[in-house]
N, C-alpha and C. Protein backbone atom coordinates (compact mmCIF):
# COMPACT_ATOMS: atom_id res chain seq x y z
N MET A 1 -41.32 139.80 82.36
CA MET A 1 -41.63 138.38 82.03
C MET A 1 -40.48 137.65 82.55
N ILE A 2 -40.66 136.52 83.00
CA ILE A 2 -39.62 135.61 83.75
C ILE A 2 -39.72 134.29 82.92
N THR A 3 -38.44 133.86 82.53
CA THR A 3 -38.70 132.50 81.96
C THR A 3 -38.88 131.33 82.84
N ILE A 4 -39.55 130.54 82.61
CA ILE A 4 -39.94 129.38 83.57
C ILE A 4 -39.58 128.08 82.93
N LYS A 5 -39.36 128.03 81.79
CA LYS A 5 -38.75 126.66 81.03
C LYS A 5 -38.19 126.94 79.61
N LYS A 6 -37.20 126.29 79.42
CA LYS A 6 -36.60 126.39 78.13
C LYS A 6 -36.32 124.79 77.60
N GLU A 7 -36.63 124.64 76.33
CA GLU A 7 -36.75 123.21 75.98
C GLU A 7 -36.12 123.41 74.58
N ARG A 8 -35.23 122.64 74.08
CA ARG A 8 -34.64 122.46 72.85
C ARG A 8 -35.03 121.37 72.07
N VAL A 9 -35.64 121.80 70.76
CA VAL A 9 -36.51 120.78 69.78
C VAL A 9 -35.27 120.96 68.59
N GLY A 10 -34.35 119.95 68.32
CA GLY A 10 -33.61 120.23 67.29
C GLY A 10 -32.81 121.39 67.40
N GLY A 11 -32.63 122.13 66.36
CA GLY A 11 -31.93 123.43 66.39
C GLY A 11 -32.75 124.64 67.00
N LYS A 12 -34.03 124.41 67.54
CA LYS A 12 -34.62 125.54 67.78
C LYS A 12 -35.06 125.25 69.66
N VAL A 13 -34.96 126.51 69.95
CA VAL A 13 -34.95 126.51 71.39
C VAL A 13 -36.64 127.30 71.78
N TYR A 14 -37.41 126.48 72.66
CA TYR A 14 -38.70 126.96 72.74
C TYR A 14 -38.57 127.49 74.30
N ARG A 15 -39.25 128.62 74.67
CA ARG A 15 -39.27 129.17 76.01
C ARG A 15 -40.69 129.32 76.40
N GLU A 16 -40.80 128.86 77.72
CA GLU A 16 -42.10 129.53 78.18
C GLU A 16 -42.00 130.59 79.30
N TYR A 17 -42.78 131.47 79.28
CA TYR A 17 -42.60 132.69 80.28
C TYR A 17 -43.73 132.55 81.26
N GLU A 18 -43.49 133.51 82.27
CA GLU A 18 -44.54 133.65 83.44
C GLU A 18 -44.81 135.00 83.10
N LEU A 19 -46.07 135.56 82.66
CA LEU A 19 -46.64 136.84 82.54
C LEU A 19 -47.20 137.30 83.48
N ASP A 20 -46.73 138.36 84.29
CA ASP A 20 -47.27 139.04 85.26
C ASP A 20 -47.50 140.62 85.32
N THR A 21 -48.45 141.22 85.66
CA THR A 21 -48.41 142.65 85.50
C THR A 21 -47.67 143.43 86.70
N PRO A 22 -47.25 144.64 86.43
CA PRO A 22 -46.60 145.42 87.41
C PRO A 22 -47.55 145.35 88.68
N TYR A 23 -48.68 145.76 88.32
CA TYR A 23 -49.71 145.71 89.42
C TYR A 23 -49.86 144.66 90.33
N ASN A 24 -49.92 143.18 89.74
CA ASN A 24 -49.90 142.19 90.65
C ASN A 24 -48.42 141.94 91.41
N ARG A 25 -47.42 142.24 90.72
CA ARG A 25 -46.06 142.39 91.54
C ARG A 25 -45.95 143.25 92.67
N VAL A 26 -46.54 144.34 92.41
CA VAL A 26 -46.54 145.48 93.53
C VAL A 26 -47.31 144.79 94.72
N LEU A 27 -48.57 144.08 94.40
CA LEU A 27 -49.47 143.77 95.42
C LEU A 27 -48.75 142.35 96.33
N ARG A 28 -48.11 141.87 95.56
CA ARG A 28 -47.19 140.55 96.22
C ARG A 28 -45.80 141.08 96.79
N ALA A 29 -45.37 142.40 96.71
CA ALA A 29 -44.20 142.70 97.15
C ALA A 29 -44.27 142.73 98.85
N SER A 30 -43.14 142.65 99.52
CA SER A 30 -43.21 142.33 100.92
C SER A 30 -43.47 143.98 101.55
N GLU A 31 -42.93 144.96 100.66
CA GLU A 31 -42.89 146.32 101.26
C GLU A 31 -44.51 146.96 101.28
N THR A 32 -45.55 146.36 100.47
CA THR A 32 -46.94 146.47 100.04
C THR A 32 -47.61 145.99 101.67
N ASN A 33 -47.97 146.98 102.30
CA ASN A 33 -48.92 146.93 103.42
C ASN A 33 -50.43 146.71 103.18
N GLU A 34 -51.30 146.26 103.76
CA GLU A 34 -52.78 146.03 103.53
C GLU A 34 -53.27 147.57 103.14
N GLU A 35 -52.79 148.43 103.80
CA GLU A 35 -53.46 150.01 103.53
C GLU A 35 -53.14 150.31 102.09
N LYS A 36 -51.83 150.18 101.72
CA LYS A 36 -51.74 150.50 100.31
C LYS A 36 -51.89 149.55 99.34
N ALA A 37 -52.38 148.18 99.63
CA ALA A 37 -52.78 147.44 98.75
C ALA A 37 -54.40 147.62 98.29
N GLN A 38 -54.92 148.08 99.58
CA GLN A 38 -56.53 148.46 99.27
C GLN A 38 -56.60 149.67 98.66
N ALA A 39 -55.82 150.70 98.78
CA ALA A 39 -55.63 152.05 98.06
C ALA A 39 -55.26 151.49 96.66
N LEU A 40 -54.36 150.69 96.44
CA LEU A 40 -54.32 150.34 94.79
C LEU A 40 -55.67 149.72 94.08
N GLN A 41 -56.08 148.70 94.99
CA GLN A 41 -57.22 148.15 94.41
C GLN A 41 -58.34 148.90 94.24
N ASP A 42 -58.39 149.90 95.17
CA ASP A 42 -59.65 150.99 95.01
C ASP A 42 -59.29 151.80 93.79
N ARG A 43 -58.08 152.09 93.73
CA ARG A 43 -57.78 153.02 92.50
C ARG A 43 -58.06 152.24 90.93
N LYS A 44 -57.61 150.83 90.95
CA LYS A 44 -57.72 150.29 89.86
C LYS A 44 -59.44 149.97 89.44
N ALA A 45 -60.05 149.86 90.61
CA ALA A 45 -61.45 149.66 90.29
C ALA A 45 -62.09 151.05 89.77
N ALA A 46 -61.54 152.12 90.07
CA ALA A 46 -62.31 153.49 89.68
C ALA A 46 -62.16 153.78 88.30
N LEU A 47 -60.88 153.11 87.82
CA LEU A 47 -60.42 153.40 86.28
C LEU A 47 -61.64 153.01 85.28
N CYS A 48 -61.59 153.62 84.26
CA CYS A 48 -62.53 153.42 83.16
C CYS A 48 -61.75 153.16 82.00
N TYR A 49 -61.74 152.06 81.58
CA TYR A 49 -60.60 151.65 80.43
C TYR A 49 -61.28 152.27 78.91
N LEU A 50 -62.72 152.16 79.03
CA LEU A 50 -63.20 152.97 77.65
C LEU A 50 -63.05 154.30 77.60
N GLU A 51 -62.96 155.15 78.72
CA GLU A 51 -62.66 156.45 78.45
C GLU A 51 -61.20 156.50 78.23
N PHE A 52 -60.19 155.67 78.68
CA PHE A 52 -58.66 155.76 78.14
C PHE A 52 -58.76 155.38 76.80
N GLU A 53 -59.18 154.75 76.27
CA GLU A 53 -59.24 154.29 74.65
C GLU A 53 -59.93 155.24 74.13
N LYS A 54 -60.86 156.05 74.44
CA LYS A 54 -61.45 156.87 73.56
C LYS A 54 -60.29 158.07 73.48
N GLN A 55 -59.67 158.38 74.56
CA GLN A 55 -58.59 159.53 74.58
C GLN A 55 -57.38 159.43 73.77
N ILE A 56 -56.92 158.03 73.96
CA ILE A 56 -55.98 157.83 73.27
C ILE A 56 -56.40 158.01 71.61
N VAL A 57 -57.36 157.29 71.43
CA VAL A 57 -57.77 157.40 69.69
C VAL A 57 -57.91 159.00 69.45
N PHE A 58 -58.66 159.87 70.34
CA PHE A 58 -58.52 161.34 69.79
C PHE A 58 -57.11 161.86 69.81
N LEU A 59 -56.41 161.50 70.70
CA LEU A 59 -54.92 162.01 70.45
C LEU A 59 -54.03 161.55 69.59
N VAL A 60 -54.37 160.25 69.17
CA VAL A 60 -53.59 159.87 67.83
C VAL A 60 -53.85 160.33 66.77
N ARG A 61 -55.37 160.55 66.47
CA ARG A 61 -55.85 161.64 65.67
C ARG A 61 -55.64 162.88 65.58
N ARG A 62 -55.28 163.50 66.57
CA ARG A 62 -54.82 164.61 66.77
C ARG A 62 -53.38 164.98 66.19
N LEU A 63 -52.46 164.06 66.71
CA LEU A 63 -51.11 163.78 66.37
C LEU A 63 -50.87 163.55 64.88
N ASP A 64 -51.58 162.89 64.14
CA ASP A 64 -51.89 162.48 62.88
C ASP A 64 -52.08 163.98 62.01
N GLU A 65 -53.09 164.72 62.66
CA GLU A 65 -53.34 165.75 61.81
C GLU A 65 -52.42 167.04 62.11
N VAL A 66 -51.80 167.30 63.19
CA VAL A 66 -50.83 168.09 63.18
C VAL A 66 -49.47 167.61 62.51
N HIS A 67 -49.09 166.42 62.33
CA HIS A 67 -47.98 165.78 61.57
C HIS A 67 -48.27 166.05 59.99
N ARG A 68 -49.50 165.72 59.62
CA ARG A 68 -49.81 166.08 58.34
C ARG A 68 -49.64 167.51 57.91
N LYS A 69 -50.28 168.49 58.93
CA LYS A 69 -50.34 169.92 58.48
C LYS A 69 -48.65 170.34 58.39
N LYS A 70 -48.06 169.67 59.23
CA LYS A 70 -46.36 170.16 59.27
C LYS A 70 -45.59 169.81 58.09
N TYR A 71 -45.90 168.29 57.58
CA TYR A 71 -44.96 167.78 56.54
C TYR A 71 -45.71 167.63 55.24
N ASN A 72 -47.02 167.63 55.26
CA ASN A 72 -47.77 167.59 53.77
C ASN A 72 -48.72 168.78 53.95
N PRO A 73 -48.20 169.95 53.79
CA PRO A 73 -49.31 170.96 53.77
C PRO A 73 -50.19 171.00 52.72
N GLU A 74 -51.41 171.64 52.92
CA GLU A 74 -52.31 171.69 51.82
C GLU A 74 -51.54 172.80 50.76
N PRO A 75 -51.80 172.70 49.60
CA PRO A 75 -51.47 173.77 48.58
C PRO A 75 -52.58 175.07 48.77
N GLU A 76 -51.68 176.08 49.04
CA GLU A 76 -52.58 177.39 49.13
C GLU A 76 -53.05 177.75 47.41
N ASP A 77 -54.32 178.28 47.54
CA ASP A 77 -54.78 178.76 46.24
C ASP A 77 -54.26 179.93 46.06
N GLU A 78 -53.57 179.94 44.73
CA GLU A 78 -52.87 181.78 44.47
C GLU A 78 -53.66 181.79 43.15
N GLU A 79 -54.30 183.03 43.60
CA GLU A 79 -55.22 183.60 42.45
C GLU A 79 -54.73 184.82 41.92
């Protein structure tokens, strides 16, 4: 984030930021030629964010399960 503007109102300072993604910054960089830019655009177009979300949810549940087993184990039946 880059600060665009700062304004003081009374005792409070309000800041306005320019939000930009790393992807956009790389595309604007002088080192990025047309070939690299096209490869990045193709790669981004091929991404499936729904699949990423499903995988993240699965991994978070798995992590929670492993944590619970380690720190809050189920009591074993002693007969």
